[in-house]
């Protein structure tokens, strides 16, 4: 049961890697997904239930995405939802009812959701709360790390650095979005005008505070592959941040349809095409995991 709402957790639909419905558990801040990259159940923490983000990524699956930041967060509600959901996952029947056999394992707790989590004013407090509940339920930091999935644009702010530092101290990690290496590519893909040097500085800050993976989505744009110059610029940005500081790259394709106006311009890369890009990154000494 959800201790804050007093009703059963979850609908009847099974989890799949293509169904990341934030409403599946019927909660405001907590939602489960079957993560193809994490390889099991990921407990999502959505600090942007208002569908607001400071970026507008062309491939984003959030419907009715708006520009903005996270709303005021009810930390007591977040705690009640997460406590109730963890209890049902660990001690109840939620896994048996919703998760395919072979995937009934909690892989992580991830700050992700419908916008940029670090835009929440209480981001460091939310991190501390999640870490406390993870430990209270006896979940090992090695088996169930707490992750932050972020565009990294707010890493210069002290409160964001504090939250990331807390993650690092507790065995967590960051998945830091870098989809393009030139200002033009970043603007086209992520809907913001940023200089690559600024992204590299924030990536280096992040990696100094917490183990950090670069998360990169690549796809065809108007039917065209990412150009060799695009890949060169992306790799140059990672080198500017310091490849030796990074855990590696999570390179993935478009598994679910974009809900943005740019959706008709986006199409998937083949496994071989993604692996070819990964091969270039590996030549720079980077560990790369590919998820088509």
Protein backbone atom coordinates (compact mmCIF):
# COMPACT_ATOMS: atom_id res chain seq x y z
CA UNK A 1 0.00 0.00 0.00
CA UNK A 2 0.99 3.61 -0.53
CA UNK A 3 1.31 4.89 3.02
CA UNK A 4 0.56 8.46 1.98
CA UNK A 5 -2.48 7.70 -0.17
CA UNK A 6 -3.91 4.52 1.38
CA UNK A 7 -4.52 2.66 -1.87
CA UNK A 8 -2.86 -0.18 -3.79
CA UNK A 9 0.23 0.75 -5.72
CA UNK A 10 0.20 0.34 -9.45
CA UNK A 11 -2.12 -0.41 -12.32
CA UNK A 12 -2.40 -3.77 -14.06
CA UNK A 13 -0.05 -2.98 -16.93
CA UNK A 14 3.30 -4.79 -17.00
CA UNK A 15 6.54 -2.87 -17.21
CA UNK A 16 8.36 -2.88 -20.54
CA UNK A 17 11.45 -1.01 -21.73
CA UNK A 18 9.19 0.97 -24.08
CA UNK A 19 6.62 1.95 -21.45
CA UNK A 20 7.99 4.64 -19.14
CA UNK A 21 4.58 5.92 -18.04
CA UNK A 22 5.21 8.20 -15.05
CA UNK A 23 1.66 7.46 -13.77
CA UNK A 24 1.97 3.66 -13.62
CA UNK A 25 2.23 3.63 -9.82
CA UNK A 26 -0.36 6.38 -9.37
CA UNK A 27 2.05 8.61 -7.44
CA UNK A 28 3.27 12.19 -7.81
CA UNK A 29 7.03 11.87 -7.40
CA UNK A 30 7.81 8.15 -7.61
CA UNK A 31 7.48 5.94 -10.67
CA UNK A 32 8.97 2.59 -11.77
CA UNK A 33 10.49 1.80 -15.16
CA UNK A 34 12.11 -1.23 -16.69
CA UNK A 35 15.44 0.28 -17.70
CA UNK A 36 17.26 -1.20 -20.69
CA UNK A 37 20.47 0.53 -19.59
CA UNK A 38 20.22 -0.37 -15.90
CA UNK A 39 19.03 -3.92 -16.68
CA UNK A 40 16.09 -4.20 -14.27
CA UNK A 41 13.65 -2.06 -12.29
CA UNK A 42 14.66 1.55 -11.87
CA UNK A 43 12.74 3.54 -9.26
CA UNK A 44 12.33 6.98 -10.75
CA UNK A 45 12.18 10.16 -8.69
CA UNK A 46 10.33 12.83 -10.68
CA UNK A 47 10.95 16.30 -9.27
CA UNK A 48 9.32 17.87 -12.35
CA UNK A 49 5.67 16.72 -12.27
CA UNK A 50 4.83 20.05 -13.95
CA UNK A 51 6.56 18.81 -17.16
CA UNK A 52 8.93 21.79 -16.99
CA UNK A 53 12.55 21.70 -18.14
CA UNK A 54 15.15 24.33 -18.91
CA UNK A 55 16.02 22.39 -22.11
CA UNK A 56 13.90 21.21 -25.02
CA UNK A 57 15.48 18.02 -26.36
CA UNK A 58 14.16 17.03 -29.77
CA UNK A 59 13.86 13.36 -28.79
CA UNK A 60 12.16 13.95 -25.40
CA UNK A 61 9.26 11.59 -24.64
CA UNK A 62 7.55 13.95 -22.17
CA UNK A 63 4.18 15.14 -23.54
CA UNK A 64 3.25 18.82 -23.16
CA UNK A 65 6.83 19.73 -22.24
CA UNK A 66 7.20 23.38 -21.21
CA UNK A 67 10.15 25.61 -20.45
CA UNK A 68 10.73 26.21 -16.78
CA UNK A 69 11.98 24.68 -13.57
CA UNK A 70 10.76 22.22 -10.98
CA UNK A 71 7.85 23.34 -8.79
CA UNK A 72 7.94 23.53 -5.02
CA UNK A 73 8.57 19.97 -3.79
CA UNK A 74 6.59 18.43 -0.92
CA UNK A 75 9.37 16.47 0.75
CA UNK A 76 6.96 14.80 3.19
CA UNK A 77 4.90 13.50 0.29
CA UNK A 78 8.02 12.32 -1.50
CA UNK A 79 9.10 10.44 1.62
CA UNK A 80 5.67 8.82 2.06
CA UNK A 81 5.50 7.75 -1.57
CA UNK A 82 8.99 6.32 -1.69
CA UNK A 83 8.63 4.52 1.64
CA UNK A 84 5.35 2.93 0.57
CA UNK A 85 6.64 1.94 -2.86
CA UNK A 86 9.85 0.41 -1.52
CA UNK A 87 7.82 -1.59 0.99
CA UNK A 88 5.60 -3.00 -1.78
CA UNK A 89 8.58 -3.76 -4.02
CA UNK A 90 10.60 -5.50 -1.32
CA UNK A 91 7.95 -7.03 0.91
CA UNK A 92 4.81 -7.03 -1.27
CA UNK A 93 3.69 -8.48 -4.59
CA UNK A 94 4.40 -5.54 -6.91
CA UNK A 95 7.30 -7.23 -8.69
CA UNK A 96 5.31 -10.42 -9.36
CA UNK A 97 2.35 -8.42 -10.67
CA UNK A 98 4.19 -6.01 -12.93
CA UNK A 99 7.71 -7.17 -13.79
CA UNK A 100 8.67 -10.00 -16.21
CA UNK A 101 10.57 -12.92 -14.74
CA UNK A 102 14.30 -12.40 -15.03
CA UNK A 103 14.01 -8.65 -14.44
CA UNK A 104 12.60 -8.68 -10.88
CA UNK A 105 15.49 -6.86 -9.29
CA UNK A 106 15.87 -3.24 -8.15
CA UNK A 107 18.80 -1.82 -10.10
CA UNK A 108 18.80 1.77 -8.95
CA UNK A 109 16.90 4.76 -7.66
CA UNK A 110 17.19 7.50 -10.25
CA UNK A 111 16.48 11.21 -10.17
CA UNK A 112 15.03 11.55 -13.65
CA UNK A 113 11.47 12.27 -14.70
CA UNK A 114 9.83 15.03 -16.71
CA UNK A 115 12.46 17.75 -16.54
CA UNK A 116 15.77 18.80 -15.05
CA UNK A 117 15.83 17.47 -11.48
CA UNK A 118 18.58 19.81 -10.30
CA UNK A 119 16.30 22.81 -10.92
CA UNK A 120 14.36 21.87 -7.75
CA UNK A 121 15.19 24.31 -4.94
CA UNK A 122 15.38 21.40 -2.47
CA UNK A 123 17.45 19.12 -4.72
CA UNK A 124 20.18 18.43 -2.08
CA UNK A 125 17.53 17.76 0.58
CA UNK A 126 15.72 15.37 -1.77
CA UNK A 127 18.99 13.54 -2.38
CA UNK A 128 19.57 13.18 1.37
CA UNK A 129 16.01 11.87 1.84
CA UNK A 130 16.34 9.22 -0.88
CA UNK A 131 19.71 8.07 0.43
CA UNK A 132 18.30 7.75 3.95
CA UNK A 133 15.37 5.59 2.78
CA UNK A 134 17.63 3.46 0.58
CA UNK A 135 19.72 2.68 3.65
CA UNK A 136 16.67 2.23 5.92
CA UNK A 137 15.38 -0.54 3.63
CA UNK A 138 18.76 -2.27 3.68
CA UNK A 139 19.53 -1.73 0.00
CA UNK A 140 23.26 -1.88 -0.65
CA UNK A 141 24.87 1.14 -2.35
CA UNK A 142 26.68 -1.30 -4.63
CA UNK A 143 23.52 -3.19 -5.61
CA UNK A 144 21.15 -0.21 -5.68
CA UNK A 145 23.05 3.02 -6.37
CA UNK A 146 21.24 6.33 -6.39
CA UNK A 147 21.71 7.99 -9.76
CA UNK A 148 21.15 11.48 -11.09
CA UNK A 149 20.25 11.79 -14.77
CA UNK A 150 20.91 15.40 -15.67
CA UNK A 151 21.67 17.83 -18.46
CA UNK A 152 24.33 19.27 -16.15
CA UNK A 153 23.51 22.85 -16.99
CA UNK A 154 23.17 23.95 -13.34
CA UNK A 155 26.41 22.42 -12.01
CA UNK A 156 27.92 25.83 -11.34
CA UNK A 157 25.35 26.39 -8.55
CA UNK A 158 26.49 25.59 -5.01
CA UNK A 159 23.24 23.80 -4.02
CA UNK A 160 23.48 21.50 -7.06
CA UNK A 161 27.10 20.73 -6.28
CA UNK A 162 26.08 19.88 -2.70
CA UNK A 163 23.49 17.39 -3.92
CA UNK A 164 25.94 15.80 -6.35
CA UNK A 165 28.60 15.64 -3.61
CA UNK A 166 26.15 13.81 -1.35
CA UNK A 167 25.54 11.29 -4.12
CA UNK A 168 29.25 10.76 -4.59
CA UNK A 169 29.87 10.29 -0.87
CA UNK A 170 27.09 7.65 -0.73
CA UNK A 171 28.27 5.51 -3.65
CA UNK A 172 25.99 7.08 -6.24
CA UNK A 173 26.72 8.24 -9.74
CA UNK A 174 25.67 10.79 -12.35
CA UNK A 175 24.57 10.23 -15.93
CA UNK A 176 25.42 13.57 -17.58
CA UNK A 177 23.79 14.36 -20.92
CA UNK A 178 26.11 15.35 -23.77
CA UNK A 179 24.40 14.87 -27.13
CA UNK A 180 26.41 17.27 -29.26
CA UNK A 181 29.84 18.84 -29.36
CA UNK A 182 29.24 22.12 -31.19
CA UNK A 183 27.03 25.04 -30.24
CA UNK A 184 24.98 24.40 -33.38
CA UNK A 185 24.43 20.70 -32.59
CA UNK A 186 23.56 21.42 -28.96
CA UNK A 187 21.01 24.02 -30.04
CA UNK A 188 19.44 21.71 -32.65
CA UNK A 189 19.27 18.64 -30.40
CA UNK A 190 18.76 20.15 -26.93
CA UNK A 191 17.06 23.45 -27.76
CA UNK A 192 19.56 25.65 -25.91
CA UNK A 193 22.43 27.84 -27.03
CA UNK A 194 25.51 26.71 -25.09
CA UNK A 195 29.18 26.89 -25.86
CA UNK A 196 30.91 23.47 -25.72
CA UNK A 197 33.53 24.86 -23.33
CA UNK A 198 30.80 25.65 -20.77
CA UNK A 199 29.43 22.10 -21.03
CA UNK A 200 32.94 20.69 -20.61
CA UNK A 201 33.50 22.79 -17.47
CA UNK A 202 30.28 21.56 -15.89
CA UNK A 203 31.10 17.98 -16.84
CA UNK A 204 34.52 18.29 -15.20
CA UNK A 205 32.92 19.81 -12.06
CA UNK A 206 30.47 16.94 -11.90
CA UNK A 207 33.12 14.25 -12.33
CA UNK A 208 35.17 15.78 -9.51
CA UNK A 209 32.22 15.44 -7.12
CA UNK A 210 30.73 12.07 -8.09
CA UNK A 211 31.47 9.16 -10.44
CA UNK A 212 30.11 10.34 -13.78
CA UNK A 213 29.04 8.67 -17.00
CA UNK A 214 28.33 10.69 -20.11
CA UNK A 215 24.88 9.88 -21.52
CA UNK A 216 24.57 10.44 -25.26
CA UNK A 217 21.57 9.93 -27.53
CA UNK A 218 22.36 9.69 -31.24
CA UNK A 219 19.95 9.33 -34.14
CA UNK A 220 19.36 10.25 -37.78
CA UNK A 221 18.22 13.82 -38.40
CA UNK A 222 16.17 14.24 -41.56
CA UNK A 223 17.46 10.81 -42.55
CA UNK A 224 21.13 11.76 -42.21
CA UNK A 225 23.65 10.08 -39.92
CA UNK A 226 25.64 12.18 -37.44
CA UNK A 227 28.50 13.52 -39.53
CA UNK A 228 32.15 12.75 -38.93
CA UNK A 229 32.58 16.41 -37.92
CA UNK A 230 29.73 16.02 -35.40
CA UNK A 231 31.43 13.01 -33.82
CA UNK A 232 34.79 14.81 -33.78
CA UNK A 233 33.25 17.79 -31.96
CA UNK A 234 31.50 15.53 -29.43
CA UNK A 235 34.74 13.69 -28.67
CA UNK A 236 36.63 16.99 -28.41
CA UNK A 237 34.17 18.19 -25.75
CA UNK A 238 34.70 15.01 -23.72
CA UNK A 239 38.47 15.39 -24.05
CA UNK A 240 38.21 19.00 -22.88
CA UNK A 241 36.42 17.80 -19.73
CA UNK A 242 39.11 15.15 -19.20
CA UNK A 243 38.34 11.63 -20.42
CA UNK A 244 40.42 10.21 -17.57
CA UNK A 245 37.90 11.69 -15.11
CA UNK A 246 34.92 9.92 -16.70
CA UNK A 247 33.61 6.44 -15.99
CA UNK A 248 32.67 6.16 -19.64
CA UNK A 249 29.88 6.78 -22.12
CA UNK A 250 26.34 5.40 -22.21
CA UNK A 251 25.59 5.62 -25.93
CA UNK A 252 22.00 4.93 -26.85
CA UNK A 253 19.47 5.31 -29.63
CA UNK A 254 15.83 6.35 -29.77
CA UNK A 255 13.75 3.51 -28.30
CA UNK A 256 10.48 5.40 -27.81
CA UNK A 257 8.81 8.03 -29.99
CA UNK A 258 9.56 11.68 -29.34
CA UNK A 259 6.59 13.73 -28.14
CA UNK A 260 8.09 16.97 -29.47
CA UNK A 261 7.36 18.83 -32.74
CA UNK A 262 10.75 17.66 -34.07
CA UNK A 263 9.66 14.00 -33.93
CA UNK A 264 9.20 13.59 -37.73
CA UNK A 265 12.83 14.61 -38.25
CA UNK A 266 14.20 11.86 -35.97
CA UNK A 267 14.82 8.21 -36.88
CA UNK A 268 16.84 5.43 -35.32
CA UNK A 269 20.40 4.33 -35.93
CA UNK A 270 21.19 0.65 -36.43
CA UNK A 271 23.24 -1.27 -33.89
CA UNK A 272 26.18 -1.28 -36.31
CA UNK A 273 25.94 2.50 -36.74
CA UNK A 274 25.95 3.04 -32.99
CA UNK A 275 28.83 0.61 -32.58
CA UNK A 276 30.84 2.50 -35.20
CA UNK A 277 30.45 5.69 -33.14
CA UNK A 278 31.33 3.77 -29.98
CA UNK A 279 34.46 2.48 -31.68
CA UNK A 280 35.70 6.02 -32.24
CA UNK A 281 35.14 6.85 -28.57
CA UNK A 282 36.91 3.69 -27.46
CA UNK A 283 39.96 4.78 -29.44
CA UNK A 284 40.10 7.78 -27.12
CA UNK A 285 40.37 5.41 -24.14
CA UNK A 286 36.72 5.68 -23.12
CA UNK A 287 34.60 2.78 -21.90
CA UNK A 288 31.41 2.74 -23.97
CA UNK A 289 28.17 0.85 -23.36
CA UNK A 290 25.77 0.74 -26.30
CA UNK A 291 21.99 0.47 -25.91
CA UNK A 292 20.21 0.57 -29.30
